[in-house]
Protein backbone atom coordinates (compact mmCIF):
# COMPACT_ATOMS: atom_id res chain seq x y z
CA MET A 1 107.37 108.16 80.47
CA ASN A 2 106.90 108.47 84.23
CA LEU A 3 108.46 111.40 86.01
CA SER A 4 110.21 111.32 89.34
CA TYR A 5 108.67 113.62 91.92
CA LEU A 6 109.31 115.21 95.29
CA SER A 7 107.88 113.70 98.44
CA VAL A 8 108.53 114.33 102.12
CA SER A 9 108.38 112.07 105.16
CA THR A 10 106.70 113.31 108.32
CA TRP A 11 109.88 112.17 110.12
CA SER A 12 111.53 115.17 108.46
CA LEU A 13 109.04 117.38 110.35
CA HIS A 14 108.80 115.44 113.59
CA ARG A 15 109.55 118.47 115.78
CA LEU A 16 106.55 120.28 114.31
CA LEU A 17 103.70 117.75 114.24
CA GLY A 18 102.90 117.30 117.91
CA PRO A 19 103.51 114.34 120.24
CA LEU A 20 105.16 111.17 118.91
CA ARG A 21 103.18 108.07 119.84
CA TRP A 22 105.66 105.18 119.85
CA THR A 23 104.44 101.59 120.00
CA ALA A 24 106.21 99.06 122.24
CA TRP A 25 105.69 95.43 123.21
CA ASP A 26 105.00 94.77 126.89
CA ALA A 27 106.21 91.19 127.29
CA GLU A 28 104.86 90.87 130.82
CA ALA A 29 101.36 91.95 129.84
CA GLY A 30 101.53 90.27 126.45
CA SER A 31 100.20 93.35 124.70
CA HIS A 32 101.20 96.56 122.98
CA ARG A 33 101.46 99.90 124.72
CA THR A 34 101.88 103.45 123.47
CA ILE A 35 104.64 105.69 124.78
CA GLU A 36 103.94 109.37 124.16
CA GLN A 37 106.88 111.72 123.58
CA GLU A 38 106.00 115.39 123.84
CA GLN A 39 106.71 117.58 120.83
CA PRO A 40 105.25 120.98 119.91
CA GLU A 41 102.41 121.03 117.40
CA ILE A 42 103.30 123.85 115.02
CA ILE A 43 101.24 122.28 112.24
CA THR A 44 98.57 119.59 112.39
CA LEU A 45 98.69 116.46 110.27
CA LEU A 46 95.41 117.58 108.67
CA ASP A 47 97.01 120.86 107.57
CA LEU A 48 100.22 119.25 106.32
CA PRO A 49 99.08 118.23 102.79
CA ALA A 50 98.16 121.82 101.87
CA GLU A 51 101.38 123.14 103.41
CA ALA A 52 103.45 120.54 101.55
CA ALA A 53 101.71 121.40 98.28
CA SER A 54 102.53 125.08 98.77
CA ARG A 55 106.20 124.12 99.15
CA GLY A 56 106.35 122.08 95.95
CA TYR A 57 105.86 118.54 97.22
CA GLU A 58 103.64 116.14 95.30
CA ALA A 59 103.44 113.40 97.92
CA ILE A 60 103.86 112.65 101.63
CA GLU A 61 104.85 109.57 103.60
CA VAL A 62 103.28 109.56 107.09
CA CYS A 63 104.80 107.77 110.08
CA HIS A 64 102.24 105.87 112.16
CA PHE A 65 103.32 107.63 115.36
CA HIS A 66 102.15 110.95 113.92
CA PHE A 67 98.49 109.92 113.83
CA PRO A 68 96.71 111.80 116.65
CA SER A 69 93.69 109.55 116.15
CA THR A 70 92.77 106.41 114.22
CA ASP A 71 89.00 106.64 114.51
CA SER A 72 87.04 106.53 111.26
CA ALA A 73 85.89 110.15 111.39
CA TYR A 74 89.48 111.42 111.69
CA LEU A 75 90.75 109.10 108.95
CA LYS A 76 88.03 110.39 106.65
CA GLN A 77 89.15 113.96 107.38
CA LEU A 78 92.77 113.03 106.64
CA ARG A 79 91.83 111.39 103.35
CA SER A 80 89.90 114.51 102.38
CA ALA A 81 92.85 116.78 103.30
CA PHE A 82 95.05 114.88 100.85
CA GLU A 83 92.41 114.88 98.12
CA VAL A 84 91.66 118.60 98.41
CA SER A 85 95.38 119.53 98.36
CA GLY A 86 96.15 117.36 95.34
CA VAL A 87 99.03 115.76 97.26
CA SER A 88 99.35 111.98 97.11
CA PHE A 89 99.36 109.95 100.33
CA ASP A 90 102.01 107.58 99.00
CA THR A 91 102.99 105.54 102.05
CA LEU A 92 101.99 104.97 105.63
CA LEU A 93 105.28 104.22 107.39
CA LEU A 94 104.53 101.67 110.09
CA ASP A 95 107.41 102.07 112.51
CA TYR A 96 106.66 99.09 114.73
CA GLY A 97 106.28 95.35 114.18
CA ASN A 98 108.61 92.36 114.36
CA LEU A 99 107.65 89.57 111.97
CA THR A 100 110.66 87.54 113.17
CA ALA A 101 110.15 87.88 116.95
CA PRO A 102 111.34 84.73 118.77
CA ASP A 103 108.29 84.94 121.07
CA GLU A 104 105.40 83.48 119.07
CA ARG A 105 102.86 85.41 121.12
CA GLN A 106 104.51 88.69 120.18
CA ARG A 107 104.89 87.63 116.57
CA LYS A 108 101.17 86.89 116.27
CA ALA A 109 100.22 90.08 118.10
CA ASP A 110 102.50 92.13 115.86
CA PHE A 111 101.02 90.52 112.74
CA ALA A 112 97.52 91.46 113.94
CA PHE A 113 98.75 94.98 114.77
CA ILE A 114 100.06 95.34 111.20
CA CYS A 115 96.70 94.15 109.84
CA ASP A 116 94.96 96.83 111.89
CA TRP A 117 97.22 99.47 110.35
CA ILE A 118 96.54 98.11 106.86
CA ASP A 119 92.86 98.84 107.57
CA ILE A 120 93.84 102.34 108.72
CA ALA A 121 95.92 102.88 105.56
CA SER A 122 92.96 101.84 103.44
CA GLN A 123 90.57 104.20 105.22
CA CYS A 124 92.80 107.27 104.94
CA GLY A 125 93.75 106.63 101.33
CA ALA A 126 97.40 105.58 101.64
CA LYS A 127 98.53 103.71 98.53
CA GLN A 128 101.14 101.66 100.39
CA ILE A 129 102.17 100.66 103.89
CA ARG A 130 105.82 100.15 104.80
CA VAL A 131 106.17 97.09 107.03
CA ILE A 132 109.39 96.31 108.88
CA ALA A 133 110.73 92.96 107.65
CA GLY A 134 112.10 91.91 111.03
CA GLU A 135 114.58 92.38 113.84
CA ALA A 136 116.51 89.11 113.34
CA PRO A 137 120.12 89.23 112.07
CA PRO A 138 120.49 89.59 108.28
CA THR A 139 122.32 86.24 108.13
CA ASP A 140 119.38 84.31 109.63
CA GLU A 141 118.04 82.39 106.62
CA GLU A 142 115.13 80.94 108.58
CA ALA A 143 114.06 84.41 109.69
CA ILE A 144 114.24 85.69 106.09
CA SER A 145 111.91 82.89 104.99
CA LEU A 146 109.58 83.53 107.94
CA SER A 147 109.45 87.24 107.14
CA ALA A 148 108.85 86.61 103.43
CA ALA A 149 105.93 84.27 104.17
CA SER A 150 104.39 86.81 106.55
CA LEU A 151 104.83 89.66 104.08
CA ILE A 152 103.07 87.59 101.39
CA ASP A 153 100.20 86.89 103.79
CA LEU A 154 99.98 90.60 104.55
CA ALA A 155 100.00 91.40 100.83
CA HIS A 156 97.04 89.05 100.31
CA PHE A 157 95.22 90.76 103.19
CA ALA A 158 96.01 94.28 101.93
CA SER A 159 95.39 93.89 98.20
CA PRO A 160 91.55 93.80 98.32
CA LYS A 161 91.71 96.95 100.47
CA GLY A 162 93.63 98.82 97.77
CA VAL A 163 96.87 98.93 99.74
CA ARG A 164 100.26 97.59 98.66
CA ILE A 165 102.75 96.09 101.11
CA ILE A 166 106.28 97.41 100.86
CA THR A 167 109.32 96.96 103.08
CA GLU A 168 112.64 98.77 103.44
CA ASN A 169 116.32 98.38 104.23
CA PHE A 170 115.33 99.26 107.79
CA LYS A 171 116.12 97.36 111.01
CA PRO A 172 118.52 94.37 111.27
CA LEU A 173 116.96 91.76 108.95
CA THR A 174 117.27 93.99 105.87
CA SER A 175 120.41 95.86 106.90
CA THR A 176 122.47 94.39 104.05
CA ALA A 177 121.77 94.33 100.34
CA GLU A 178 122.32 90.57 100.34
CA SER A 179 119.55 89.94 102.85
CA CYS A 180 117.26 92.38 101.02
CA HIS A 181 117.75 90.45 97.78
CA LYS A 182 117.08 87.11 99.48
CA LEU A 183 113.89 88.43 101.05
CA LEU A 184 112.59 90.01 97.84
CA ALA A 185 113.38 86.87 95.85
CA GLN A 186 111.07 84.93 98.18
CA THR A 187 108.24 87.47 97.99
CA GLY A 188 108.28 87.69 94.20
CA ASN A 189 106.56 90.81 92.88
CA GLN A 190 104.06 90.87 95.73
CA VAL A 191 106.10 93.20 97.96
CA GLY A 192 107.64 96.54 97.02
CA PHE A 193 110.74 98.14 98.48
CA ILE A 194 112.15 101.42 99.78
CA THR A 195 115.86 102.16 99.50
CA ASP A 196 116.98 104.51 102.28
CA PHE A 197 120.39 106.15 101.79
CA GLY A 198 120.94 106.23 105.55
CA ASN A 199 120.34 102.57 106.33
CA PHE A 200 123.23 100.81 104.60
CA HIS A 201 126.66 101.17 106.20
CA GLY A 202 130.25 100.29 105.41
CA ALA A 203 132.60 100.30 102.43
CA GLU A 204 130.03 98.77 100.04
CA LYS A 205 127.28 101.25 100.87
CA VAL A 206 127.06 102.89 97.42
CA LYS A 207 126.96 99.51 95.67
CA GLU A 208 124.30 98.27 98.10
CA ILE A 209 122.13 101.31 97.41
CA ALA A 210 122.50 100.77 93.66
CA SER A 211 121.70 97.05 93.83
CA THR A 212 118.34 97.54 95.56
CA LEU A 213 117.10 100.40 93.37
CA PRO A 214 115.54 98.17 90.67
CA PHE A 215 113.06 96.94 93.30
CA SER A 216 112.33 100.34 94.81
CA VAL A 217 109.04 102.20 94.57
CA SER A 218 110.37 104.93 96.86
CA VAL A 219 113.81 106.31 97.66
CA HIS A 220 114.47 107.90 101.04
CA ALA A 221 116.95 110.58 100.02
CA LYS A 222 118.73 111.19 103.31
CA ALA A 223 122.01 113.09 103.49
CA THR A 224 124.68 113.12 106.17
CA TYR A 225 124.33 116.41 108.06
CA ASP A 226 126.88 118.46 109.96
CA GLU A 227 126.29 120.10 113.34
CA ALA A 228 124.62 123.08 111.66
CA GLY A 229 122.27 120.89 109.59
CA PHE A 230 124.07 121.26 106.27
CA PRO A 231 124.38 118.18 104.04
CA ASP A 232 127.56 116.53 102.80
CA GLU A 233 126.77 117.52 99.21
CA ALA A 234 129.50 115.47 97.51
CA GLU A 235 128.41 112.27 99.25
CA TYR A 236 124.74 113.02 98.62
CA LEU A 237 125.38 113.53 94.91
CA THR A 238 127.16 110.17 94.77
CA TYR A 239 123.97 108.47 95.96
CA LEU A 240 121.68 110.54 93.74
CA ASN A 241 123.80 109.84 90.66
CA ARG A 242 123.45 106.12 91.34
CA VAL A 243 119.68 106.51 91.54
CA HIS A 244 119.67 108.39 88.24
CA ALA A 245 121.97 105.84 86.58
CA ALA A 246 119.60 103.04 87.63
CA GLY A 247 116.82 104.65 85.57
CA TYR A 248 114.71 105.20 88.67
CA ASN A 249 111.41 106.99 88.14
CA GLY A 250 109.49 107.48 91.35
CA ALA A 251 109.34 109.36 94.62
CA TYR A 252 112.40 111.08 96.02
CA VAL A 253 111.37 111.29 99.66
CA LEU A 254 113.37 114.00 101.40
CA ILE A 255 114.64 113.05 104.86
CA TYR A 256 115.93 115.76 107.18
CA ASP A 257 116.53 115.06 110.87
CA GLY A 258 119.22 117.61 111.60
CA PRO A 259 119.12 120.65 113.89
CA GLY A 260 117.36 123.95 113.38
CA ASP A 261 114.32 124.77 111.28
CA MET A 262 113.19 121.55 109.63
CA TRP A 263 111.62 123.23 106.59
CA GLU A 264 114.87 125.11 105.99
CA GLY A 265 116.83 121.87 106.30
CA LEU A 266 114.54 120.31 103.71
CA GLU A 267 115.03 123.27 101.35
CA ARG A 268 118.79 122.72 101.40
CA ILE A 269 118.51 119.13 100.18
CA LYS A 270 115.58 119.90 97.88
CA ALA A 271 117.87 122.22 95.89
CA ILE A 272 120.29 119.32 95.36
CA VAL A 273 117.60 116.77 94.46
CA LYS A 274 115.51 118.87 92.06
CA PRO A 275 117.82 118.46 89.02
CA PHE A 276 117.31 114.69 89.31
CA LEU A 277 113.56 114.96 88.79
CA LEU A 278 113.93 115.24 85.03
CA PRO A 279 112.83 112.20 82.99
CA VAL A 280 115.38 109.41 82.75
CA ARG A 281 116.46 108.91 79.13
């Protein structure tokens, strides 16, 4: 019987890990550019696995904009940092890429960009890479098919490198459970999924979360936070109980983006999540 376990996303620590390096498409130049957003570096990415281990986390998901370098020597160091700490590098969260871009030049460039990051994921030991399904509306059937075909191609590229392609209910194309189901039906079992509590909206949100859980290899356990950074515990428990009822066994990735000390914010939701880490019976 597999056990669920605690993981943390580097997004939950984004005010501590140094500059954020966002990727953007420059349509005029026909190329990508990096926009650097200053943030203090309280802890380095290389030191994070050991720090996470000391705080009870068994895995980390790393956003691509937190990589200070992608050269081979640095990636080797990062892989070693995870191995030495005993913490799993579960997922590289690629936060850029539009597989459904109307501009074919951008679409091809973004596909190549994703392939480059698959190589990076392989070098630093990430088991999976989260790829954005697309920016088209969730009702665009043609875009869903286009995204599915691209994700399958990426899965074929990634598999020999020891990396699995997964996507998420993140950005417009997969913003509804219905569109997620349509996309996953067209990718078969070649593409995994992340269910993020914060990315479905509306009256059917709880049902939408529940309906995507059977496909999920990771759950982004994000609460709604008040102005002081405290979670809406009743709402959070509603989501967590649905995860438990679905028989989910996997990573509970804690997401905190509220004010104040980010580690403290994580501790508040960790206390709520921990009882759900027991084996599902």
